[in-house]
Protein backbone atom coordinates (compact mmCIF):
# COMPACT_ATOMS: atom_id res chain seq x y z
CA MET A 1 -11.86 252.35 21.07
CA ARG A 2 -10.21 254.77 23.16
CA HIS A 3 -12.04 255.07 26.38
CA PRO A 4 -14.80 257.74 26.29
CA ALA A 5 -13.37 259.45 29.95
CA LEU A 6 -9.69 259.74 28.42
CA ALA A 7 -11.06 260.67 25.00
CA ALA A 8 -12.91 263.62 26.86
CA VAL A 9 -10.23 264.82 28.56
CA ILE A 10 -8.40 265.12 25.28
CA ALA A 11 -11.52 266.22 23.13
CA ALA A 12 -11.85 269.28 25.52
CA ALA A 13 -8.24 270.60 25.48
CA THR A 14 -7.73 270.11 21.65
CA LEU A 15 -11.02 270.02 20.01
CA VAL A 16 -10.87 273.02 18.79
CA THR A 17 -7.76 274.58 16.49
CA VAL A 18 -6.72 276.95 19.09
CA SER A 19 -3.31 276.41 20.79
CA ALA A 20 -1.06 278.83 22.97
CA GLN A 21 1.96 276.27 21.12
CA THR A 22 0.30 277.24 17.91
CA PRO A 23 -1.04 280.72 17.79
CA ALA A 24 -2.18 281.56 14.29
CA PRO A 25 -0.18 283.52 11.97
CA ALA A 26 -1.26 287.33 12.43
CA SER A 27 -2.64 288.11 9.15
CA GLN A 28 -4.89 284.81 9.44
CA THR A 29 -6.16 285.50 13.29
CA GLN A 30 -7.31 288.98 11.80
CA SER A 31 -9.06 287.66 8.34
CA SER A 32 -10.74 284.28 9.73
CA GLN A 33 -11.44 284.80 13.48
CA LEU A 34 -14.82 285.23 14.14
CA THR A 35 -16.14 287.30 16.90
CA PHE A 36 -19.56 287.02 18.56
CA ARG A 37 -21.52 288.47 21.22
CA SER A 38 -23.97 286.76 23.34
CA ALA A 39 -24.97 287.01 27.07
CA THR A 40 -24.60 283.65 29.10
CA ASN A 41 -28.25 283.89 30.03
CA LEU A 42 -29.30 284.58 26.35
CA VAL A 43 -30.91 281.44 24.23
CA GLU A 44 -29.91 281.35 20.56
CA VAL A 45 -32.29 279.08 18.34
CA ASP A 46 -31.90 278.55 14.80
CA VAL A 47 -35.13 279.12 12.61
CA VAL A 48 -35.73 277.86 9.24
CA VAL A 49 -38.53 279.00 7.90
CA GLN A 50 -40.62 277.69 4.96
CA ASP A 51 -43.37 278.20 2.41
CA GLY A 52 -45.68 275.73 1.53
CA ASP A 53 -43.82 274.64 -1.85
CA GLY A 54 -40.63 274.16 1.20
CA ARG A 55 -38.59 276.92 -0.22
CA PHE A 56 -36.91 279.44 2.48
CA VAL A 57 -39.08 282.73 3.00
CA PRO A 58 -36.40 285.66 3.17
CA GLY A 59 -36.84 289.02 4.16
CA LEU A 60 -38.98 287.90 8.12
CA THR A 61 -38.20 290.10 11.13
CA ALA A 62 -38.96 289.56 14.53
CA ASP A 63 -42.43 290.57 14.61
CA ASP A 64 -43.21 287.62 12.10
CA LEU A 65 -42.20 285.13 14.98
CA VAL A 66 -43.69 283.82 18.07
CA VAL A 67 -41.55 281.73 20.55
CA LEU A 68 -42.31 280.10 23.59
CA GLU A 69 -40.84 278.38 26.35
CA ASP A 70 -42.44 276.12 28.25
CA GLY A 71 -45.36 277.58 26.76
CA ARG A 72 -45.25 281.34 28.03
CA PRO A 73 -44.39 283.67 25.41
CA GLN A 74 -41.04 285.36 25.07
CA ALA A 75 -39.35 288.78 23.84
CA ILE A 76 -37.02 288.09 21.07
CA GLN A 77 -34.63 290.12 21.78
CA GLN A 78 -31.84 289.44 18.73
CA PHE A 79 -32.84 288.63 15.33
CA TYR A 80 -30.61 288.41 12.23
CA LEU A 81 -30.33 286.37 8.93
CA VAL A 82 -27.70 283.92 8.33
CA ASN A 83 -26.96 283.10 4.72
CA ASN A 84 -23.57 281.07 3.22
CA GLN A 85 -25.19 280.02 0.36
CA SER A 86 -22.99 279.42 -2.42
CA THR A 87 -23.26 278.14 -6.54
CA SER A 88 -21.31 275.27 -5.65
CA VAL A 89 -23.63 273.81 -2.64
CA ALA A 90 -26.60 272.42 -4.46
CA GLY A 91 -28.08 272.23 -8.12
CA PRO A 92 -29.72 274.66 -9.61
CA ASP A 93 -33.09 273.98 -8.51
CA GLU A 94 -32.37 274.27 -4.82
CA LEU A 95 -30.41 277.67 -4.69
CA LEU A 96 -31.75 280.66 -2.82
CA PRO A 97 -31.30 284.76 -4.38
CA SER A 98 -27.70 286.09 -3.33
CA ILE A 99 -27.99 287.48 -0.12
CA ASP A 100 -24.81 289.17 2.06
CA VAL A 101 -23.70 286.91 4.51
CA ASP A 102 -23.96 287.57 7.70
CA PRO A 103 -20.35 287.46 9.81
CA ARG A 104 -21.68 285.98 12.33
CA GLY A 105 -22.06 282.55 10.51
CA HIS A 106 -19.72 279.82 9.38
CA ARG A 107 -20.52 276.30 8.16
CA LEU A 108 -18.85 273.46 10.45
CA PHE A 109 -19.78 269.66 10.01
CA VAL A 110 -18.69 266.88 12.30
CA PHE A 111 -19.50 263.89 10.56
CA LEU A 112 -19.71 261.29 13.09
CA PHE A 113 -19.83 257.97 12.19
CA ASP A 114 -22.08 255.50 14.49
CA LEU A 115 -19.64 252.03 13.45
CA GLY A 116 -21.16 249.71 16.54
CA HIS A 117 -24.60 250.48 14.24
CA LEU A 118 -23.64 250.78 10.69
CA GLY A 119 -22.92 247.63 8.63
CA VAL A 120 -20.09 247.47 6.45
CA GLU A 121 -22.04 248.17 3.23
CA SER A 122 -23.58 251.55 5.01
CA LEU A 123 -20.03 252.56 5.97
CA LEU A 124 -18.81 251.83 2.95
CA ARG A 125 -21.95 253.87 0.93
CA SER A 126 -21.65 256.69 3.47
CA LYS A 127 -17.65 257.24 3.16
CA VAL A 128 -17.98 257.62 -0.92
CA GLY A 129 -20.36 259.96 -0.27
CA VAL A 130 -19.26 261.92 2.38
CA GLU A 131 -15.53 262.14 0.49
CA ARG A 132 -17.63 263.86 -2.45
CA PHE A 133 -19.02 266.26 -0.51
CA ILE A 134 -15.41 267.37 1.00
CA ASN A 135 -14.06 267.51 -2.25
CA THR A 136 -16.80 269.28 -4.32
CA GLN A 137 -18.50 271.20 -1.23
CA PHE A 138 -16.40 272.03 1.19
CA ARG A 139 -15.26 275.47 0.45
CA LYS A 140 -12.96 278.01 1.91
CA GLY A 141 -14.52 279.29 5.28
CA ASP A 142 -15.78 275.85 6.31
CA PHE A 143 -14.64 273.72 9.23
CA GLY A 144 -14.90 270.20 9.80
CA GLY A 145 -14.06 266.96 11.50
CA ILE A 146 -13.97 263.17 11.60
CA PHE A 147 -15.64 261.80 14.19
CA ALA A 148 -15.00 257.88 14.92
CA GLU A 149 -14.04 254.87 17.54
CA GLY A 150 -14.55 257.66 20.23
CA GLU A 151 -12.36 260.18 19.03
CA MET A 152 -11.99 263.31 16.76
CA HIS A 153 -9.64 262.83 13.92
CA ARG A 154 -6.20 264.41 15.37
CA ASP A 155 -8.18 265.80 18.30
CA ARG A 156 -9.38 268.80 16.49
CA ILE A 157 -12.06 270.71 14.14
CA THR A 158 -10.07 272.08 11.13
CA SER A 159 -10.70 273.88 8.02
CA ASP A 160 -7.78 271.71 5.84
CA LYS A 161 -9.59 269.67 3.27
CA LEU A 162 -6.59 267.24 2.99
CA SER A 163 -6.86 266.39 6.55
CA LEU A 164 -10.42 265.80 6.66
CA LEU A 165 -10.07 262.91 3.68
CA ALA A 166 -7.20 261.44 5.93
CA GLY A 167 -9.44 261.30 9.18
CA LEU A 168 -11.99 259.83 6.15
CA HIS A 169 -10.10 257.22 4.95
CA ALA A 170 -8.70 255.85 8.66
CA VAL A 171 -12.76 255.09 9.18
CA GLN A 172 -13.01 251.12 9.43
CA PRO A 173 -15.61 248.96 9.61
CA ALA A 174 -16.35 247.51 12.94
CA VAL A 175 -16.11 244.03 13.99
CA GLU A 176 -19.46 244.07 15.51
CA THR A 177 -22.62 245.96 14.17
CA ARG A 178 -26.11 246.26 14.83
CA GLU A 179 -26.30 244.26 11.18
CA THR A 180 -24.23 241.28 12.73
CA ARG A 181 -25.96 241.64 15.85
CA LEU A 182 -29.56 241.08 14.66
CA GLN A 183 -28.44 238.28 12.08
CA GLY A 184 -28.77 235.94 14.98
CA PHE A 185 -32.32 236.58 14.88
CA ARG A 186 -32.62 234.92 11.40
CA GLU A 187 -30.84 231.93 13.23
CA TYR A 188 -32.67 228.78 14.50
CA PRO A 189 -34.24 229.40 17.24
CA GLN A 190 -35.39 232.64 15.13
CA ILE A 191 -36.81 235.69 17.13
CA PRO A 192 -39.37 237.45 15.10
CA SER A 193 -38.07 241.18 16.13
CA GLU A 194 -35.95 243.51 19.04
CA ALA A 195 -39.51 244.18 20.56
CA ASP A 196 -40.06 240.26 21.59
CA ALA A 197 -35.81 240.46 22.32
CA VAL A 198 -37.16 242.65 25.33
CA ARG A 199 -40.22 241.11 26.41
CA ILE A 200 -38.10 238.30 27.06
CA ASP A 201 -35.26 239.95 28.79
CA LEU A 202 -37.76 241.59 31.14
CA GLY A 203 -38.93 238.27 32.36
CA ASP A 204 -41.35 237.31 29.32
CA ASP A 205 -41.29 233.72 29.50
CA ARG A 206 -44.53 232.97 27.97
CA LEU A 207 -43.59 234.92 24.80
CA ALA A 208 -40.44 232.31 24.80
CA GLU A 209 -42.94 229.56 25.04
CA SER A 210 -45.07 230.80 22.09
CA LEU A 211 -41.91 230.90 20.04
CA ALA A 212 -41.01 227.56 20.39
CA THR A 213 -44.00 226.09 20.15
CA ASP A 214 -44.60 227.57 16.39
CA LEU A 215 -41.24 226.63 15.90
CA CYS A 216 -41.86 223.25 16.97
CA GLN A 217 -45.62 222.93 15.12
CA PRO A 218 -45.73 219.79 12.93
CA GLY A 219 -45.76 220.23 9.63
CA THR A 220 -43.20 223.56 9.78
CA ALA A 221 -39.71 224.05 8.49
CA THR A 222 -38.12 224.25 11.29
CA ALA A 223 -39.99 221.02 13.20
CA GLU A 224 -37.29 218.57 12.41
CA GLU A 225 -34.37 220.97 13.74
CA CYS A 226 -36.61 221.42 16.75
CA ARG A 227 -37.14 217.81 17.51
CA ALA A 228 -33.32 217.74 17.09
CA GLU A 229 -32.46 220.11 19.64
CA GLY A 230 -34.59 218.80 22.19
CA GLY A 231 -38.00 219.79 21.40
CA ILE A 232 -40.20 222.93 22.65
CA GLY A 233 -38.42 223.17 26.28
CA GLU A 234 -34.89 223.15 24.71
CA THR A 235 -35.76 225.60 22.20
CA ALA A 236 -37.50 227.99 24.53
CA ARG A 237 -34.40 228.30 26.59
CA ARG A 238 -32.34 228.77 23.66
CA ILE A 239 -34.39 231.88 22.55
CA THR A 240 -34.35 233.10 25.99
CA ARG A 241 -30.60 233.12 25.83
CA LYS A 242 -30.51 234.57 22.75
CA ALA A 243 -32.46 237.34 23.94
CA ARG A 244 -30.31 238.69 26.46
CA ASN A 245 -27.42 237.90 25.37
CA TYR A 246 -29.11 240.46 22.36
CA ILE A 247 -30.23 242.74 24.68
CA ARG A 248 -26.71 242.96 26.33
CA ASP A 249 -24.60 243.80 23.52
CA ALA A 250 -26.95 246.15 22.51
CA ARG A 251 -26.79 247.87 25.56
CA ILE A 252 -23.03 248.15 25.52
CA ALA A 253 -23.25 249.58 21.87
CA THR A 254 -25.87 252.08 22.48
CA GLY A 255 -23.72 253.45 25.79
CA GLN A 256 -21.21 253.82 23.58
CA THR A 257 -22.73 255.83 20.55
CA VAL A 258 -24.58 257.91 23.57
CA ALA A 259 -21.01 258.67 25.36
CA GLN A 260 -19.56 259.95 21.55
CA LEU A 261 -22.80 261.85 21.21
CA GLN A 262 -22.20 263.79 24.73
CA LEU A 263 -18.63 263.78 24.17
CA VAL A 264 -19.15 265.79 20.85
CA ALA A 265 -22.30 267.82 21.97
CA ALA A 266 -19.96 268.96 25.02
CA ASN A 267 -17.09 270.21 23.24
CA LEU A 268 -19.03 271.64 20.15
CA ALA A 269 -20.69 274.07 22.58
CA THR A 270 -17.09 275.98 23.35
CA ILE A 271 -17.30 277.00 19.73
CA PRO A 272 -19.23 280.34 19.17
CA GLY A 273 -22.07 279.98 16.21
CA ARG A 274 -23.70 276.71 14.88
CA LYS A 275 -22.51 273.69 14.62
CA THR A 276 -23.85 270.98 12.04
CA VAL A 277 -23.50 267.29 13.69
CA ILE A 278 -23.93 264.83 10.70
CA PHE A 279 -24.92 261.62 12.57
CA ILE A 280 -24.08 258.82 9.98
CA SER A 281 -26.56 255.67 11.69
CA ASP A 282 -28.16 253.18 10.99
CA GLY A 283 -30.43 253.27 14.04
CA PHE A 284 -29.74 252.31 17.71
CA PHE A 285 -31.42 250.49 20.27
CA ILE A 286 -33.18 252.90 22.63
CA GLU A 287 -35.59 251.05 24.79
CA GLU A 288 -33.51 252.05 27.95
CA SER A 289 -31.51 255.06 26.99
CA ARG A 290 -34.56 257.40 25.64
CA ALA A 291 -34.43 260.13 28.51
CA GLU A 292 -30.42 259.69 28.09
CA VAL A 293 -30.47 260.57 24.55
CA GLU A 294 -33.58 263.74 25.20
CA GLN A 295 -30.52 265.33 27.50
CA ILE A 296 -27.89 264.95 25.08
CA ALA A 297 -30.12 266.77 22.43
CA ALA A 298 -31.25 269.00 24.73
CA MET A 299 -27.64 270.00 25.76
CA ALA A 300 -26.22 270.21 21.76
CA ALA A 301 -29.40 272.38 21.35
CA ARG A 302 -28.11 274.72 24.04
CA GLY A 303 -24.60 274.94 22.48
CA GLY A 304 -25.83 276.01 19.36
CA THR A 305 -25.30 272.13 17.92
CA ALA A 306 -27.75 270.98 15.42
CA ILE A 307 -27.62 267.40 14.40
CA TYR A 308 -28.83 265.65 11.73
CA SER A 309 -29.18 262.01 11.20
CA VAL A 310 -28.55 260.25 7.93
CA TYR A 311 -29.16 256.85 6.93
CA GLY A 312 -26.11 254.67 5.41
CA ARG A 313 -28.22 252.02 4.35
CA GLY A 314 -29.63 253.55 0.99
CA SER A 315 -32.89 252.74 -0.44
CA SER A 316 -35.07 249.70 0.17
CA VAL A 317 -38.35 247.74 -1.86
CA ILE A 318 -41.33 247.70 0.39
CA GLY A 319 -44.24 246.16 -1.34
CA GLY A 320 -42.80 245.76 -4.39
CA ARG A 321 -41.58 249.19 -5.18
CA ALA A 322 -38.50 251.19 -4.29
CA MET A 323 -39.27 253.87 -1.76
CA PRO A 324 -38.82 257.56 -3.17
CA ASP A 325 -35.15 259.33 -2.44
CA VAL A 326 -36.31 262.01 -0.03
CA THR A 327 -35.87 263.13 3.29
CA THR A 328 -39.24 262.15 5.86
CA SER A 329 -40.21 262.35 9.02
CA ARG A 330 -41.92 258.87 9.02
CA PRO A 331 -39.66 255.77 9.17
CA THR A 332 -39.44 253.69 6.18
CA LEU A 333 -37.04 251.32 6.49
CA SER A 334 -38.09 249.28 9.38
CA SER A 335 -38.66 245.66 8.92
CA THR A 336 -39.70 242.83 11.53
CA PHE A 337 -35.76 243.09 12.92
CA ASP A 338 -35.51 247.06 13.09
CA THR A 339 -36.94 248.95 15.80
CA SER A 340 -34.24 251.57 16.12
CA ASP A 341 -35.89 255.21 14.48
CA ASP A 342 -36.25 256.32 17.82
CA GLY A 343 -32.78 257.55 18.70
CA PRO A 344 -32.06 259.74 15.57
CA GLN A 345 -35.80 260.78 15.26
CA ILE A 346 -35.30 262.54 18.93
CA LEU A 347 -31.69 263.95 18.39
CA THR A 348 -32.91 265.72 15.30
CA ALA A 349 -36.17 267.27 16.85
CA GLY A 350 -34.46 268.36 19.32
CA THR A 351 -31.74 270.23 17.81
CA GLY A 352 -33.68 271.29 14.66
CA GLY A 353 -32.36 269.11 12.08
CA PHE A 354 -34.04 266.25 10.45
CA VAL A 355 -33.67 262.60 9.70
CA ILE A 356 -32.42 261.31 6.04
CA ARG A 357 -33.67 257.79 4.74
CA ASN A 358 -33.66 256.15 1.42
CA LEU A 359 -30.86 257.54 -0.17
CA ASN A 360 -28.38 255.58 -1.92
CA ASP A 361 -26.40 258.59 -2.96
CA ILE A 362 -25.25 259.99 0.80
CA SER A 363 -23.53 263.20 -1.02
CA ARG A 364 -26.89 264.28 -1.50
CA ALA A 365 -28.17 263.26 1.79
CA ILE A 366 -25.19 265.39 2.52
CA ASN A 367 -25.80 268.64 0.32
CA LEU A 368 -29.57 268.58 1.44
CA VAL A 369 -28.11 268.92 5.08
CA ALA A 370 -25.77 271.67 3.96
CA ARG A 371 -28.56 273.57 2.31
CA ASP A 372 -30.61 273.34 5.66
CA THR A 373 -27.56 274.55 7.23
CA SER A 374 -26.36 277.65 4.87
CA THR A 375 -29.31 279.78 5.50
CA TYR A 376 -31.54 280.46 8.43
CA TYR A 377 -32.48 283.04 11.02
CA VAL A 378 -31.07 283.35 14.58
CA LEU A 379 -33.47 284.48 17.36
CA GLY A 380 -32.06 285.40 20.95
CA TYR A 381 -33.96 285.58 23.69
CA SER A 382 -33.21 286.02 27.40
CA PRO A 383 -35.57 283.73 29.31
CA THR A 384 -38.84 285.17 31.38
CA ASN A 385 -37.62 282.16 34.29
CA ALA A 386 -33.82 283.44 34.21
CA VAL A 387 -32.15 280.60 36.70
CA MET A 388 -29.97 278.24 34.66
CA ASP A 389 -31.20 275.26 36.54
CA GLY A 390 -30.17 272.53 34.33
CA LYS A 391 -33.79 271.24 33.44
CA VAL A 392 -34.74 271.00 29.52
CA ARG A 393 -37.43 273.36 28.60
CA LYS A 394 -39.49 273.23 25.35
CA ILE A 395 -38.77 275.62 22.80
CA GLU A 396 -41.67 276.48 19.73
CA VAL A 397 -41.16 278.77 17.53
CA LYS A 398 -44.32 279.61 15.27
CA ALA A 399 -44.98 281.77 12.19
CA ARG A 400 -47.75 284.32 13.19
CA THR A 401 -48.79 283.53 9.78
CA GLY A 402 -50.25 280.61 9.28
CA SER A 403 -48.82 279.35 5.73
CA LEU A 404 -45.25 279.37 6.67
CA HIS A 405 -43.60 276.24 8.29
CA VAL A 406 -41.16 276.68 11.00
CA ARG A 407 -38.65 274.21 11.76
CA ALA A 408 -36.85 275.08 15.41
CA ARG A 409 -35.05 273.07 17.68
CA ASN A 410 -37.91 272.07 20.34
CA SER A 411 -35.67 272.12 23.87
CA TYR A 412 -32.66 273.34 25.54
CA LEU A 413 -30.85 272.49 28.62
CA ALA A 414 -30.62 275.42 30.85
CA SER A 415 -27.65 275.71 31.95
CA PRO A 416 -24.73 278.41 31.98
CA LEU A 417 -22.42 278.23 28.87
CA PRO A 418 -19.00 277.16 28.46
CA PRO A 419 -16.09 279.77 27.59
CA ARG A 420 -16.26 280.29 23.83
CA GLN A 421 -12.98 279.68 21.91
CA PRO A 422 -12.79 281.19 18.24
CA LEU A 423 -11.87 279.27 15.32
CA ARG A 424 -9.22 279.92 13.24
CA TYR A 425 -7.98 278.63 9.79
CA ASP A 426 -5.58 275.55 9.83
CA GLY A 427 -5.28 274.65 5.98
CA GLY A 428 -6.73 275.91 2.82
CA GLY A 429 -10.23 274.71 2.76
CA GLY A 430 -12.40 274.56 -0.18
CA GLN A 431 -11.90 276.47 -3.25
């Protein structure tokens, strides 16, 4: 893996496909360059409004919504609809009536593979789904990037479908993943959960001794192994070592994931308009990184990036029945070994995306994301607190009509926007 600091330098220089050394032809520049007007202190919020049946509600105006920052009402100064729907995006039951496409909108997808937390099966399933999406749904006017192992493929956002597929095919499983780290919990001496490992790492010796006592109880399946390994005292010591080793490795893996999210969010902020990060993961250890993840979500929101978390591990059977293939706000794949759902939830809630679990067909999950990011309202306001002080501020967007459901980012980082670089096509895109 490339060191995060080095990756940051490279990505800052080359993430966007605009370069003084490789200018776009005049014919391309005129037809494909997108221009935006946005004051550096203007806060833009992407808003999805749905009715009681989950259908997008067209035809709204700024007067239909209320926006609050840290609980204080804000005057909406900019409001428009972006619609990039196409008959090729989803099934007939997921389409909207045709609406003129706003030129300020484009679709930009970054597929961020969290390799340190994706099992081999999860990664393979995810790659199949992403490839199907690129082949069938990525179209002319779209941009994308493949991010794995700390770097963007070829260090660029591209409109070239073949380049995206090449980047996808280059993604390989990591040697060590969350799955392999948790495997040790199932081996003697067993640790019931990650939460127990955290307590033991923090010095809860009584818990380690209690677990050892249970394993060494006469008549249990592990009693003989306990005796052979040296009894309760030695078993407790082994449990403590195992817990501490796991937490150490989990911290390292989470640090890499956080650094990658931060790198992507910071560099996407240099691109105008909405950006969509599809964070493909099986969840990550967040016990000591919660504030940092919240900060990254706020930074991404300020830069116009929405994060959608897709679990690569597919559906699960719980209580003798298969869980439905739906998006959900509640974790349904958790087991006694898994306490990692908070991180993806924080990222999505903070940026206006959502979490998708229990889908074996990852291409369907990505289609749900594409549909959501293809039609939305954009509202803009100049905060009554005009000081860009670098703090996280809470946002709440509500509909004046109580029957409507509004989804929008719930915070942003009060900081000036970086200089913007418009996108230019460098390939054929889709059909």
